[in-house]
Amino acid sequence: MEQDFLGALTGTGTVEVLVENDGQEGQVEVVVELEDNHGEVVTREIESIHMEEGEQRRISVDVEVTEEVEAYEVEARAG
């Protein structure tokens, strides 16, 4: 999922996502990448959690948004 910041925010922020484990019980990595206007990753935050099969959970990831950040992308994957 990619979202635009439109250059309007700087400072510390929180990205909240709903993660649903459609697979087996195990570790899941939630990866938040902040990108500049060229699509280059400026910073990456990774939150590792343990999830049960079929579980849904809201995850909050704190990020530092600098002036060059224009968009962010979030991915959840088996760890």
N, C-alpha and C. Protein backbone atom coordinates (compact mmCIF):
# COMPACT_ATOMS: atom_id res chain seq x y z
N MET A 1 0.85 -1.16 0.00
CA MET A 1 0.00 0.00 0.00
C MET A 1 0.90 1.23 0.00
N GLU A 2 0.69 2.16 -0.91
CA GLU A 2 1.47 3.39 -0.95
C GLU A 2 0.56 4.57 -0.71
N GLN A 3 1.03 5.51 0.10
CA GLN A 3 0.27 6.73 0.41
C GLN A 3 1.18 7.93 0.23
N ASP A 4 0.61 9.07 -0.14
CA ASP A 4 1.37 10.31 -0.31
C ASP A 4 1.28 11.17 0.93
N PHE A 5 2.42 11.79 1.29
CA PHE A 5 2.45 12.79 2.36
C PHE A 5 2.25 14.19 1.79
N LEU A 6 2.57 14.37 0.50
CA LEU A 6 2.48 15.67 -0.18
C LEU A 6 3.38 16.72 0.47
N GLY A 7 4.47 16.28 1.11
CA GLY A 7 5.43 17.20 1.68
C GLY A 7 4.91 18.04 2.82
N ALA A 8 3.76 17.70 3.38
CA ALA A 8 3.12 18.55 4.37
C ALA A 8 3.51 18.23 5.80
N LEU A 9 4.12 17.08 6.05
CA LEU A 9 4.40 16.66 7.41
C LEU A 9 5.89 16.47 7.63
N THR A 10 6.38 16.91 8.78
CA THR A 10 7.74 16.60 9.20
C THR A 10 7.70 16.32 10.69
N GLY A 11 8.74 15.63 11.17
CA GLY A 11 8.80 15.30 12.59
C GLY A 11 8.46 13.84 12.82
N THR A 12 8.17 13.51 14.06
CA THR A 12 7.84 12.14 14.41
C THR A 12 6.38 11.88 14.11
N GLY A 13 6.11 10.73 13.48
CA GLY A 13 4.74 10.35 13.17
C GLY A 13 4.53 8.88 13.44
N THR A 14 3.30 8.45 13.34
CA THR A 14 2.96 7.05 13.54
C THR A 14 2.14 6.55 12.36
N VAL A 15 2.57 5.43 11.80
CA VAL A 15 1.83 4.77 10.74
C VAL A 15 1.10 3.60 11.38
N GLU A 16 -0.22 3.56 11.21
CA GLU A 16 -1.02 2.47 11.76
C GLU A 16 -1.57 1.62 10.63
N VAL A 17 -1.41 0.31 10.76
CA VAL A 17 -1.91 -0.62 9.74
C VAL A 17 -2.62 -1.78 10.41
N LEU A 18 -3.58 -2.33 9.70
CA LEU A 18 -4.26 -3.54 10.16
C LEU A 18 -3.65 -4.71 9.41
N VAL A 19 -3.06 -5.65 10.17
CA VAL A 19 -2.40 -6.81 9.58
C VAL A 19 -3.29 -8.02 9.81
N GLU A 20 -3.52 -8.79 8.74
CA GLU A 20 -4.30 -10.01 8.85
C GLU A 20 -3.43 -11.18 8.39
N ASN A 21 -3.30 -12.17 9.26
CA ASN A 21 -2.50 -13.34 8.95
C ASN A 21 -3.39 -14.40 8.31
N ASP A 22 -3.28 -14.51 6.99
CA ASP A 22 -4.05 -15.52 6.25
C ASP A 22 -3.31 -16.85 6.16
N GLY A 23 -2.08 -16.89 6.72
CA GLY A 23 -1.28 -18.09 6.65
C GLY A 23 -1.17 -18.77 8.00
N GLN A 24 -0.06 -19.43 8.20
CA GLN A 24 0.18 -20.17 9.43
C GLN A 24 0.67 -19.27 10.55
N GLU A 25 0.57 -19.76 11.77
CA GLU A 25 1.11 -19.06 12.94
C GLU A 25 2.60 -18.83 12.73
N GLY A 26 3.08 -17.67 13.16
CA GLY A 26 4.52 -17.41 13.07
C GLY A 26 4.84 -15.93 13.11
N GLN A 27 6.09 -15.63 12.83
CA GLN A 27 6.58 -14.26 12.83
C GLN A 27 6.13 -13.52 11.57
N VAL A 28 5.76 -12.27 11.75
CA VAL A 28 5.38 -11.40 10.64
C VAL A 28 6.19 -10.11 10.78
N GLU A 29 6.78 -9.65 9.68
CA GLU A 29 7.48 -8.38 9.68
C GLU A 29 6.61 -7.34 8.99
N VAL A 30 6.38 -6.23 9.67
CA VAL A 30 5.68 -5.09 9.09
C VAL A 30 6.77 -4.08 8.72
N VAL A 31 6.89 -3.79 7.42
CA VAL A 31 7.94 -2.93 6.91
C VAL A 31 7.31 -1.62 6.42
N VAL A 32 7.79 -0.50 6.98
CA VAL A 32 7.35 0.83 6.54
C VAL A 32 8.54 1.51 5.89
N GLU A 33 8.38 1.89 4.62
CA GLU A 33 9.44 2.60 3.90
C GLU A 33 8.96 4.01 3.57
N LEU A 34 9.77 4.99 3.93
CA LEU A 34 9.49 6.38 3.58
C LEU A 34 10.33 6.72 2.36
N GLU A 35 9.68 7.33 1.35
CA GLU A 35 10.32 7.56 0.06
C GLU A 35 10.35 9.03 -0.31
N ASP A 36 11.37 9.41 -1.10
CA ASP A 36 11.42 10.77 -1.62
C ASP A 36 10.64 10.86 -2.92
N ASN A 37 10.69 12.01 -3.59
CA ASN A 37 9.88 12.19 -4.80
C ASN A 37 10.39 11.39 -6.00
N HIS A 38 11.54 10.72 -5.86
CA HIS A 38 12.06 9.85 -6.92
C HIS A 38 11.78 8.38 -6.63
N GLY A 39 11.08 8.12 -5.54
CA GLY A 39 10.78 6.74 -5.16
C GLY A 39 11.91 6.05 -4.42
N GLU A 40 12.96 6.81 -4.08
CA GLU A 40 14.09 6.25 -3.33
C GLU A 40 13.73 6.17 -1.85
N VAL A 41 14.11 5.07 -1.21
CA VAL A 41 13.82 4.89 0.21
C VAL A 41 14.74 5.79 1.03
N VAL A 42 14.13 6.66 1.84
CA VAL A 42 14.86 7.57 2.72
C VAL A 42 15.12 6.88 4.05
N THR A 43 14.12 6.18 4.56
CA THR A 43 14.27 5.44 5.81
C THR A 43 13.33 4.25 5.81
N ARG A 44 13.70 3.24 6.60
CA ARG A 44 12.91 2.01 6.67
C ARG A 44 12.80 1.63 8.15
N GLU A 45 11.58 1.31 8.58
CA GLU A 45 11.33 0.83 9.94
C GLU A 45 10.70 -0.55 9.82
N ILE A 46 11.16 -1.48 10.65
CA ILE A 46 10.63 -2.85 10.63
C ILE A 46 10.17 -3.22 12.03
N GLU A 47 8.94 -3.68 12.12
CA GLU A 47 8.34 -4.15 13.38
C GLU A 47 8.07 -5.64 13.20
N SER A 48 8.67 -6.47 14.06
CA SER A 48 8.48 -7.91 13.99
C SER A 48 7.52 -8.34 15.10
N ILE A 49 6.49 -9.11 14.71
CA ILE A 49 5.48 -9.56 15.68
C ILE A 49 5.18 -11.03 15.45
N HIS A 50 4.66 -11.69 16.46
CA HIS A 50 4.21 -13.07 16.34
C HIS A 50 2.69 -13.04 16.20
N MET A 51 2.16 -13.76 15.19
CA MET A 51 0.72 -13.79 14.96
C MET A 51 0.23 -15.22 14.86
N GLU A 52 -0.97 -15.43 15.36
CA GLU A 52 -1.64 -16.72 15.25
C GLU A 52 -2.29 -16.84 13.86
N GLU A 53 -2.56 -18.04 13.43
CA GLU A 53 -3.26 -18.27 12.17
C GLU A 53 -4.63 -17.59 12.22
N GLY A 54 -4.96 -16.80 11.19
CA GLY A 54 -6.25 -16.12 11.11
C GLY A 54 -6.38 -14.87 11.96
N GLU A 55 -5.33 -14.49 12.68
CA GLU A 55 -5.39 -13.32 13.57
C GLU A 55 -5.33 -12.02 12.79
N GLN A 56 -6.06 -11.02 13.29
CA GLN A 56 -5.97 -9.64 12.80
C GLN A 56 -5.45 -8.79 13.95
N ARG A 57 -4.55 -7.86 13.62
CA ARG A 57 -4.01 -7.00 14.66
C ARG A 57 -3.64 -5.63 14.08
N ARG A 58 -3.96 -4.58 14.83
CA ARG A 58 -3.57 -3.22 14.43
C ARG A 58 -2.17 -2.96 14.99
N ILE A 59 -1.27 -2.55 14.10
CA ILE A 59 0.13 -2.31 14.45
C ILE A 59 0.44 -0.83 14.24
N SER A 60 1.14 -0.25 15.20
CA SER A 60 1.60 1.13 15.10
C SER A 60 3.12 1.14 14.97
N VAL A 61 3.61 1.87 13.98
CA VAL A 61 5.05 1.97 13.75
C VAL A 61 5.41 3.46 13.77
N ASP A 62 6.30 3.84 14.68
CA ASP A 62 6.76 5.23 14.77
C ASP A 62 7.82 5.48 13.71
N VAL A 63 7.72 6.62 13.04
CA VAL A 63 8.66 6.99 11.98
C VAL A 63 9.08 8.45 12.16
N GLU A 64 10.26 8.76 11.65
CA GLU A 64 10.75 10.14 11.63
C GLU A 64 10.63 10.65 10.20
N VAL A 65 9.75 11.62 10.00
CA VAL A 65 9.47 12.16 8.66
C VAL A 65 10.31 13.41 8.46
N THR A 66 11.21 13.35 7.46
CA THR A 66 12.04 14.50 7.13
C THR A 66 11.45 15.23 5.93
N GLU A 67 12.03 16.38 5.61
CA GLU A 67 11.48 17.23 4.53
C GLU A 67 11.46 16.54 3.17
N GLU A 68 12.40 15.64 2.91
CA GLU A 68 12.46 15.00 1.60
C GLU A 68 11.44 13.87 1.42
N VAL A 69 10.78 13.46 2.50
CA VAL A 69 9.81 12.37 2.41
C VAL A 69 8.52 12.86 1.76
N GLU A 70 8.09 12.12 0.73
CA GLU A 70 6.86 12.48 0.02
C GLU A 70 5.83 11.37 0.02
N ALA A 71 6.25 10.14 0.31
CA ALA A 71 5.31 9.02 0.29
C ALA A 71 5.81 7.93 1.23
N TYR A 72 4.91 7.04 1.56
CA TYR A 72 5.35 5.87 2.33
C TYR A 72 4.68 4.62 1.78
N GLU A 73 5.32 3.49 2.01
CA GLU A 73 4.79 2.21 1.57
C GLU A 73 4.89 1.24 2.74
N VAL A 74 3.85 0.41 2.91
CA VAL A 74 3.80 -0.55 4.00
C VAL A 74 3.61 -1.95 3.42
N GLU A 75 4.36 -2.90 3.97
CA GLU A 75 4.24 -4.29 3.54
C GLU A 75 4.34 -5.18 4.78
N ALA A 76 3.53 -6.21 4.82
CA ALA A 76 3.63 -7.23 5.88
C ALA A 76 4.00 -8.54 5.20
N ARG A 77 5.00 -9.23 5.79
CA ARG A 77 5.46 -10.49 5.19
C ARG A 77 5.88 -11.46 6.28
N ALA A 78 5.80 -12.75 5.93
CA ALA A 78 6.23 -13.78 6.87
C ALA A 78 7.71 -13.59 7.17
N GLY A 79 8.06 -13.70 8.46
CA GLY A 79 9.44 -13.48 8.89
C GLY A 79 10.20 -14.68 8.98
